[in-house]
Protein backbone atom coordinates (compact mmCIF):
# COMPACT_ATOMS: atom_id res chain seq x y z
CA UNK A 1 -29.54 3.60 0.52
CA UNK A 2 -29.33 4.38 -2.81
CA UNK A 3 -27.18 1.83 -5.24
CA UNK A 4 -23.89 3.02 -6.28
CA UNK A 5 -24.91 3.68 -9.85
CA UNK A 6 -27.63 6.00 -8.18
CA UNK A 7 -25.25 7.83 -6.23
CA UNK A 8 -22.85 8.37 -9.48
CA UNK A 9 -26.09 9.57 -11.16
CA UNK A 10 -26.67 12.01 -8.18
CA UNK A 11 -23.02 13.28 -8.27
CA UNK A 12 -22.84 13.84 -11.84
CA UNK A 13 -25.99 15.97 -12.07
CA UNK A 14 -24.74 18.02 -8.88
CA UNK A 15 -21.15 18.20 -10.04
CA UNK A 16 -20.57 18.99 -13.41
CA UNK A 17 -17.34 17.17 -15.19
CA UNK A 18 -17.15 15.05 -11.77
CA UNK A 19 -15.40 12.18 -13.21
CA UNK A 20 -16.86 9.66 -11.39
CA UNK A 21 -16.22 5.99 -12.54
CA UNK A 22 -17.86 2.79 -11.33
CA UNK A 23 -15.98 0.15 -9.96
CA UNK A 24 -18.15 -3.06 -10.42
CA UNK A 25 -17.33 -5.96 -7.24
CA UNK A 26 -17.90 -9.45 -9.02
CA UNK A 27 -17.59 -10.85 -5.55
CA UNK A 28 -20.74 -12.29 -3.59
CA UNK A 29 -20.44 -9.32 -1.23
CA UNK A 30 -21.01 -7.11 -4.39
CA UNK A 31 -19.96 -3.80 -2.67
CA UNK A 32 -19.31 -1.92 -5.69
CA UNK A 33 -17.28 1.48 -5.42
CA UNK A 34 -16.86 4.73 -7.31
CA UNK A 35 -13.64 6.07 -8.19
CA UNK A 36 -13.31 9.86 -8.37
CA UNK A 37 -11.11 11.96 -10.63
CA UNK A 38 -8.57 13.52 -7.90
CA UNK A 39 -9.16 17.16 -9.51
CA UNK A 40 -12.82 17.20 -8.43
CA UNK A 41 -12.71 14.86 -5.47
CA UNK A 42 -13.10 17.99 -2.58
CA UNK A 43 -16.62 19.14 -4.21
CA UNK A 44 -17.78 15.56 -4.48
CA UNK A 45 -16.91 14.79 -1.11
CA UNK A 46 -18.90 17.97 -0.07
CA UNK A 47 -22.02 16.89 -2.39
CA UNK A 48 -22.07 13.25 -0.57
CA UNK A 49 -21.94 15.09 2.94
CA UNK A 50 -23.97 17.81 2.41
CA UNK A 51 -26.82 16.35 0.12
CA UNK A 52 -30.12 15.90 2.22
CA UNK A 53 -31.12 12.35 1.29
CA UNK A 54 -27.39 11.15 1.14
CA UNK A 55 -25.93 12.85 4.29
CA UNK A 56 -22.87 10.87 4.18
CA UNK A 57 -21.74 12.49 7.64
CA UNK A 58 -19.15 9.82 9.01
CA UNK A 59 -15.66 8.71 7.23
CA UNK A 60 -15.14 5.80 9.43
CA UNK A 61 -11.65 4.73 7.81
CA UNK A 62 -9.42 4.89 4.73
CA UNK A 63 -7.01 2.75 3.53
CA UNK A 64 -3.70 2.54 1.06
CA UNK A 65 -3.51 0.34 -1.67
CA UNK A 66 -0.12 -0.28 -3.75
CA UNK A 67 -0.56 -1.67 -7.53
CA UNK A 68 2.75 -1.94 -8.80
CA UNK A 69 3.75 -1.98 -12.27
CA UNK A 70 2.38 -4.86 -14.10
CA UNK A 71 3.67 -7.21 -17.01
CA UNK A 72 0.73 -8.59 -19.47
CA UNK A 73 1.80 -10.84 -22.32
CA UNK A 74 -0.56 -10.76 -25.25
CA UNK A 75 -1.03 -12.89 -28.17
CA UNK A 76 -1.48 -11.58 -31.15
CA UNK A 77 -2.02 -12.37 -34.91
CA UNK A 78 0.88 -11.32 -37.28
CA UNK A 79 0.84 -11.84 -40.78
CA UNK A 80 4.17 -12.22 -42.33
CA UNK A 81 6.20 -13.24 -45.82
CA UNK A 82 7.94 -16.39 -45.97
CA UNK A 83 9.74 -18.66 -48.29
CA UNK A 84 8.22 -21.85 -48.76
CA UNK A 85 9.25 -24.56 -51.69
CA UNK A 86 5.96 -25.42 -53.58
CA UNK A 87 5.79 -27.94 -56.00
CA UNK A 88 9.81 -27.55 -56.32
CA UNK A 89 9.74 -24.02 -56.72
CA UNK A 90 10.74 -21.00 -54.05
CA UNK A 91 7.65 -18.80 -53.47
CA UNK A 92 7.11 -15.80 -51.27
CA UNK A 93 3.84 -16.52 -49.26
CA UNK A 94 2.18 -14.73 -46.53
CA UNK A 95 1.75 -16.69 -43.16
CA UNK A 96 -0.22 -15.61 -40.26
CA UNK A 97 1.06 -16.75 -36.74
CA UNK A 98 0.40 -16.40 -33.03
CA UNK A 99 3.11 -13.94 -31.48
CA UNK A 100 3.29 -13.22 -27.89
CA UNK A 101 4.01 -9.21 -26.92
CA UNK A 102 4.73 -7.97 -23.45
CA UNK A 103 3.65 -4.25 -22.56
CA UNK A 104 3.86 -3.09 -19.00
CA UNK A 105 0.86 -1.20 -17.36
CA UNK A 106 2.34 1.53 -15.14
CA UNK A 107 1.34 0.87 -11.32
CA UNK A 108 -0.17 3.62 -9.07
CA UNK A 109 -1.28 4.05 -5.14
CA UNK A 110 -4.55 4.16 -4.42
CA UNK A 111 -7.02 5.22 -1.19
CA UNK A 112 -10.07 3.67 -0.22
CA UNK A 113 -12.78 5.69 1.68
CA UNK A 114 -15.65 3.91 3.55
CA UNK A 115 -18.75 6.50 4.32
CA UNK A 116 -21.46 6.00 6.61
CA UNK A 117 -24.66 8.33 7.48
CA UNK A 118 -25.03 8.57 11.17
CA UNK A 119 -28.17 10.47 10.39
CA UNK A 120 -29.76 8.47 7.77
CA UNK A 121 -28.64 5.07 9.27
CA UNK A 122 -26.99 3.87 6.11
CA UNK A 123 -23.65 2.81 4.35
CA UNK A 124 -21.23 2.22 3.74
CA UNK A 125 -20.41 3.70 0.35
CA UNK A 126 -16.79 2.74 -0.91
CA UNK A 127 -14.82 5.69 -2.62
CA UNK A 128 -11.58 5.30 -4.74
CA UNK A 129 -8.76 7.89 -6.19
CA UNK A 130 -5.65 6.49 -7.67
CA UNK A 131 -2.51 8.72 -8.17
CA UNK A 132 -0.95 8.96 -11.51
CA UNK A 133 2.20 6.61 -10.92
CA UNK A 134 4.42 5.27 -7.86
CA UNK A 135 7.07 7.55 -8.06
CA UNK A 136 7.23 11.24 -8.82
CA UNK A 137 3.52 11.89 -8.81
CA UNK A 138 1.73 10.32 -5.79
CA UNK A 139 -0.30 13.43 -4.36
CA UNK A 140 -3.94 13.14 -3.60
CA UNK A 141 -6.36 15.98 -2.49
CA UNK A 142 -7.13 15.77 1.36
CA UNK A 143 -10.30 14.95 2.48
CA UNK A 144 -9.70 16.13 6.01
CA UNK A 145 -11.63 19.50 5.60
CA UNK A 146 -14.75 17.36 4.74
CA UNK A 147 -14.30 14.57 7.04
CA UNK A 148 -12.09 15.45 10.16
CA UNK A 149 -11.76 11.70 10.97
CA UNK A 150 -9.72 11.35 7.92
CA UNK A 151 -6.51 13.49 9.17
CA UNK A 152 -5.01 10.72 11.38
CA UNK A 153 -5.67 8.16 8.77
CA UNK A 154 -4.48 10.36 5.76
CA UNK A 155 -0.93 10.62 7.79
CA UNK A 156 -1.13 6.81 8.44
CA UNK A 157 -1.08 6.41 4.38
CA UNK A 158 1.31 9.07 3.72
CA UNK A 159 3.41 7.42 5.93
CA UNK A 160 3.29 3.88 5.26
CA UNK A 161 2.24 4.45 1.48
CA UNK A 162 3.95 7.76 0.58
CA UNK A 163 0.72 9.19 -1.06
CA UNK A 164 1.31 13.03 -0.57
CA UNK A 165 -2.32 14.56 0.77
CA UNK A 166 -2.30 18.10 -0.78
CA UNK A 167 -4.37 20.60 1.70
CA UNK A 168 -3.61 18.01 4.90
CA UNK A 169 -3.48 20.28 7.60
CA UNK A 170 -0.54 18.40 9.25
CA UNK A 171 0.81 15.94 6.87
CA UNK A 172 3.74 14.36 8.58
CA UNK A 173 4.67 10.38 9.51
CA UNK A 174 2.25 8.77 12.34
CA UNK A 175 3.98 5.39 13.08
CA UNK A 176 7.59 5.63 11.46
CA UNK A 177 9.92 8.52 12.80
CA UNK A 178 10.67 11.59 10.92
CA UNK A 179 14.36 10.22 9.61
CA UNK A 180 12.85 7.18 8.44
CA UNK A 181 13.28 6.16 4.43
CA UNK A 182 10.75 4.85 2.56
CA UNK A 183 7.43 3.27 3.09
CA UNK A 184 6.75 0.05 4.84
CA UNK A 185 3.56 -1.16 3.18
CA UNK A 186 4.70 -0.89 -0.27
CA UNK A 187 4.93 -4.27 -2.02
CA UNK A 188 8.16 -3.68 -3.33
CA UNK A 189 9.64 -2.33 0.49
CA UNK A 190 13.13 -3.94 1.22
CA UNK A 191 13.49 -4.67 4.89
CA UNK A 192 16.69 -3.41 6.67
CA UNK A 193 19.56 -6.18 6.87
CA UNK A 194 20.88 -4.57 10.16
CA UNK A 195 17.95 -5.20 11.88
CA UNK A 196 19.01 -2.46 14.99
CA UNK A 197 15.23 -2.95 16.46
CA UNK A 198 14.94 -6.64 15.99
CA UNK A 199 15.33 -8.02 20.06
CA UNK A 200 16.00 -11.54 19.39
CA UNK A 201 17.02 -12.46 15.48
CA UNK A 202 16.89 -16.11 14.66
CA UNK A 203 16.63 -18.11 11.91
CA UNK A 204 16.78 -16.34 8.33
CA UNK A 205 16.84 -12.89 9.96
CA UNK A 206 20.01 -13.90 12.41
CA UNK A 207 22.23 -14.87 9.11
CA UNK A 208 21.17 -11.52 7.57
CA UNK A 209 21.97 -9.43 11.17
CA UNK A 210 25.07 -11.19 11.20
CA UNK A 211 26.10 -10.69 7.69
CA UNK A 212 25.47 -7.18 8.25
CA UNK A 213 27.45 -6.96 11.36
CA UNK A 214 30.28 -8.78 9.39
CA UNK A 215 30.54 -5.86 6.57
CA UNK A 216 31.13 -3.58 9.48
CA UNK A 217 27.90 -2.02 8.82
CA UNK A 218 26.75 -2.62 12.11
CA UNK A 219 26.13 0.69 14.71
CA UNK A 220 26.00 -1.44 18.10
CA UNK A 221 28.73 -3.37 20.29
CA UNK A 222 27.96 -6.84 20.54
CA UNK A 223 29.58 -7.10 23.79
CA UNK A 224 26.45 -5.67 25.41
CA UNK A 225 24.72 -8.24 27.99
CA UNK A 226 21.49 -7.90 29.65
CA UNK A 227 21.90 -7.49 33.55
CA UNK A 228 20.09 -7.79 36.41
CA UNK A 229 18.35 -4.78 36.24
CA UNK A 230 16.38 -6.05 33.49
CA UNK A 231 12.57 -7.35 34.72
CA UNK A 232 12.72 -9.99 32.10
CA UNK A 233 16.09 -11.65 32.36
CA UNK A 234 18.06 -13.23 35.16
CA UNK A 235 21.06 -11.27 34.04
CA UNK A 236 23.23 -14.65 33.45
CA UNK A 237 22.02 -14.86 30.09
CA UNK A 238 25.73 -14.89 28.67
CA UNK A 239 26.50 -13.19 25.27
CA UNK A 240 22.97 -12.01 24.71
CA UNK A 241 22.65 -8.62 23.22
CA UNK A 242 19.60 -6.51 24.28
CA UNK A 243 19.87 -5.14 20.17
CA UNK A 244 20.62 -8.57 18.12
CA UNK A 245 20.11 -11.55 20.49
CA UNK A 246 22.53 -14.40 20.52
CA UNK A 247 25.09 -13.90 18.05
CA UNK A 248 26.41 -17.45 18.24
CA UNK A 249 22.85 -18.91 16.71
CA UNK A 250 22.25 -20.80 20.02
CA UNK A 251 18.64 -21.04 21.68
CA UNK A 252 18.62 -20.74 25.48
CA UNK A 253 15.59 -20.90 28.07
CA UNK A 254 15.20 -17.25 29.51
CA UNK A 255 13.91 -17.47 33.60
CA UNK A 256 12.23 -14.98 35.07
CA UNK A 257 14.08 -12.34 37.14
CA UNK A 258 13.26 -12.51 40.78
CA UNK A 259 10.08 -10.55 41.70
CA UNK A 260 8.88 -10.80 37.82
């Protein structure tokens, strides 16, 4: 298979203004990648699939990456005027000092694609695309029209990271339910404090669940207990809540029910 640099050159020759960037990987694996400009991504992907020599006919997987805002501290040399006493006389002189300045690099969301050629038996080729930011400009073009295997995987990335794939034939959540808020794989995602779906909270989770209940924000009745109809428990675990577990913080040994 051609190297990533050679494939980049082939793309630029076939797709004018493709805007492909070579991304080196300094690790021992040395799996370099190509970052695509979103506005030309579909044209580039089509070329990679249809070119007789490359023939990347299979998208094996794609994944999302969250890059939060990053604060960078830099030392710069600054020349300033200071008043000093020299030989008993106050004089204004220039002095060069190191000054630390901080700046924030805006974050973004990224999609990473792994391509193979079943026909030519080579790969992978790693492609990347990045959004403008993580807030209100999170759109990227869908590649489902080029590789059908991207359909469900783009839905997963949309669900968990919030990347909106324009041109996707059926863009909706895949793992979380329709009414779910936020995107759980983002690095600044905050877990809910009610743990409605945590069957046996314990330690810090239990404390947070109890604090949520004490604030009157809970939605379940803590008096619900497991009955003999449960295939997992004997029905004698007093105080066990199917939603929130044991509310007194004690641990109990659970025995299989009859016929389990």
